[in-house]
Amino acid sequence: MGAGQSRSSNALVVPQASQALDQLKYEVAQELGIQIPQDGYYGYMATRDTGAIGGHITRRLVQIAEQAIAGGQAR
């Protein structure tokens, strides 16, 4: 791996998506009744809660992608 390259699998393809993903995280947490720390430190949150948020975000993103694909094929 060359200088300046990262092995992070969490790199966003569209860097501007960061704000939208952050908003989605807060929406999902609110729907699940989970309070996200105001200071941004997740170390005190239960793994079960953070996993639930991540799982629901993934489901929502897959649903959005499926709808986009279905919409693209209908044309």
C-alpha atoms as a PDB file:
ATOM      1  CA  MET A   1       0.000   0.000   0.000  1.00  0.00           C
ATOM      2  CA  GLY A   2       1.447   3.353  -1.043  1.00  0.00           C
ATOM      3  CA  ALA A   3       1.844   6.488   0.992  1.00  0.00           C
ATOM      4  CA  GLY A   4      -1.383   8.327   1.706  1.00  0.00           C
ATOM      5  CA  GLN A   5      -3.574   5.308   1.006  1.00  0.00           C
ATOM      6  CA  SER A   6      -6.004   4.000   3.589  1.00  0.00           C
ATOM      7  CA  ARG A   7      -7.391   0.525   4.137  1.00  0.00           C
ATOM      8  CA  SER A   8     -10.537   1.887   5.744  1.00  0.00           C
ATOM      9  CA  SER A   9     -13.640   0.191   4.406  1.00  0.00           C
ATOM     10  CA  ASN A  10     -15.695   3.085   5.774  1.00  0.00           C
ATOM     11  CA  ALA A  11     -14.457   5.606   3.227  1.00  0.00           C
ATOM     12  CA  LEU A  12     -17.381   7.415   1.638  1.00  0.00           C
ATOM     13  CA  VAL A  13     -17.546   7.368  -2.141  1.00  0.00           C
ATOM     14  CA  VAL A  14     -19.347  10.716  -2.013  1.00  0.00           C
ATOM     15  CA  PRO A  15     -17.822  12.754   0.838  1.00  0.00           C
ATOM     16  CA  GLN A  16     -20.843  15.063   0.921  1.00  0.00           C
ATOM     17  CA  ALA A  17     -22.938  12.081   2.031  1.00  0.00           C
ATOM     18  CA  SER A  18     -21.445  12.343   5.521  1.00  0.00           C
ATOM     19  CA  GLN A  19     -23.997  14.934   6.647  1.00  0.00           C
ATOM     20  CA  ALA A  20     -26.920  12.926   5.252  1.00  0.00           C
ATOM     21  CA  LEU A  21     -25.700   9.758   6.987  1.00  0.00           C
ATOM     22  CA  ASP A  22     -25.311  11.653  10.243  1.00  0.00           C
ATOM     23  CA  GLN A  23     -28.897  12.918   9.944  1.00  0.00           C
ATOM     24  CA  LEU A  24     -30.100   9.386   9.209  1.00  0.00           C
ATOM     25  CA  LYS A  25     -28.303   8.140  12.332  1.00  0.00           C
ATOM     26  CA  TYR A  26     -30.170  10.624  14.522  1.00  0.00           C
ATOM     27  CA  GLU A  27     -33.525   9.841  12.866  1.00  0.00           C
ATOM     28  CA  VAL A  28     -33.099   6.100  13.369  1.00  0.00           C
ATOM     29  CA  ALA A  29     -31.965   6.539  16.975  1.00  0.00           C
ATOM     30  CA  GLN A  30     -35.017   8.683  17.691  1.00  0.00           C
ATOM     31  CA  GLU A  31     -37.339   6.092  16.106  1.00  0.00           C
ATOM     32  CA  LEU A  32     -35.768   3.390  18.290  1.00  0.00           C
ATOM     33  CA  GLY A  33     -35.962   5.562  21.418  1.00  0.00           C
ATOM     34  CA  ILE A  34     -32.184   5.606  21.840  1.00  0.00           C
ATOM     35  CA  GLN A  35     -30.527   8.790  23.110  1.00  0.00           C
ATOM     36  CA  ILE A  36     -27.312   9.669  21.275  1.00  0.00           C
ATOM     37  CA  PRO A  37     -24.772  11.448  23.512  1.00  0.00           C
ATOM     38  CA  GLN A  38     -24.620  15.194  22.895  1.00  0.00           C
ATOM     39  CA  ASP A  39     -20.831  15.224  23.240  1.00  0.00           C
ATOM     40  CA  GLY A  40     -20.458  12.692  20.408  1.00  0.00           C
ATOM     41  CA  TYR A  41     -18.687  10.097  22.571  1.00  0.00           C
ATOM     42  CA  TYR A  42     -20.277   6.679  22.039  1.00  0.00           C
ATOM     43  CA  GLY A  43     -18.072   4.821  24.530  1.00  0.00           C
ATOM     44  CA  TYR A  44     -20.761   4.781  27.205  1.00  0.00           C
ATOM     45  CA  MET A  45     -23.512   3.492  24.908  1.00  0.00           C
ATOM     46  CA  ALA A  46     -24.484  -0.162  25.002  1.00  0.00           C
ATOM     47  CA  THR A  47     -23.199  -2.210  22.095  1.00  0.00           C
ATOM     48  CA  ARG A  48     -26.736  -3.475  21.582  1.00  0.00           C
ATOM     49  CA  ASP A  49     -27.978   0.097  21.031  1.00  0.00           C
ATOM     50  CA  THR A  50     -25.238   1.116  18.618  1.00  0.00           C
ATOM     51  CA  GLY A  51     -25.701  -2.148  16.731  1.00  0.00           C
ATOM     52  CA  ALA A  52     -29.432  -1.580  16.489  1.00  0.00           C
ATOM     53  CA  ILE A  53     -28.861   1.891  15.059  1.00  0.00           C
ATOM     54  CA  GLY A  54     -26.340   0.565  12.516  1.00  0.00           C
ATOM     55  CA  GLY A  55     -28.579  -2.323  11.523  1.00  0.00           C
ATOM     56  CA  HIS A  56     -31.573  -0.093  10.937  1.00  0.00           C
ATOM     57  CA  ILE A  57     -29.470   2.369   8.947  1.00  0.00           C
ATOM     58  CA  THR A  58     -28.280  -0.489   6.740  1.00  0.00           C
ATOM     59  CA  ARG A  59     -31.842  -1.714   6.202  1.00  0.00           C
ATOM     60  CA  ARG A  60     -32.970   1.792   5.288  1.00  0.00           C
ATOM     61  CA  LEU A  61     -30.073   2.291   2.839  1.00  0.00           C
ATOM     62  CA  VAL A  62     -30.797  -1.055   1.159  1.00  0.00           C
ATOM     63  CA  GLN A  63     -34.464  -0.103   0.873  1.00  0.00           C
ATOM     64  CA  ILE A  64     -33.538   3.237  -0.708  1.00  0.00           C
ATOM     65  CA  ALA A  65     -31.214   1.499  -3.180  1.00  0.00           C
ATOM     66  CA  GLU A  66     -33.851  -1.091  -4.101  1.00  0.00           C
ATOM     67  CA  GLN A  67     -36.377   1.665  -4.752  1.00  0.00           C
ATOM     68  CA  ALA A  68     -33.861   3.545  -6.898  1.00  0.00           C
ATOM     69  CA  ILE A  69     -33.094   0.425  -8.928  1.00  0.00           C
ATOM     70  CA  ALA A  70     -36.777  -0.439  -9.340  1.00  0.00           C
ATOM     71  CA  GLY A  71     -37.498   3.144 -10.400  1.00  0.00           C
ATOM     72  CA  GLY A  72     -34.680   3.038 -12.948  1.00  0.00           C
ATOM     73  CA  GLN A  73     -35.921  -0.207 -14.506  1.00  0.00           C
ATOM     74  CA  ALA A  74     -39.498   1.009 -14.820  1.00  0.00           C
ATOM     75  CA  ARG A  75     -38.491   3.608 -17.408  1.00  0.00           C
END
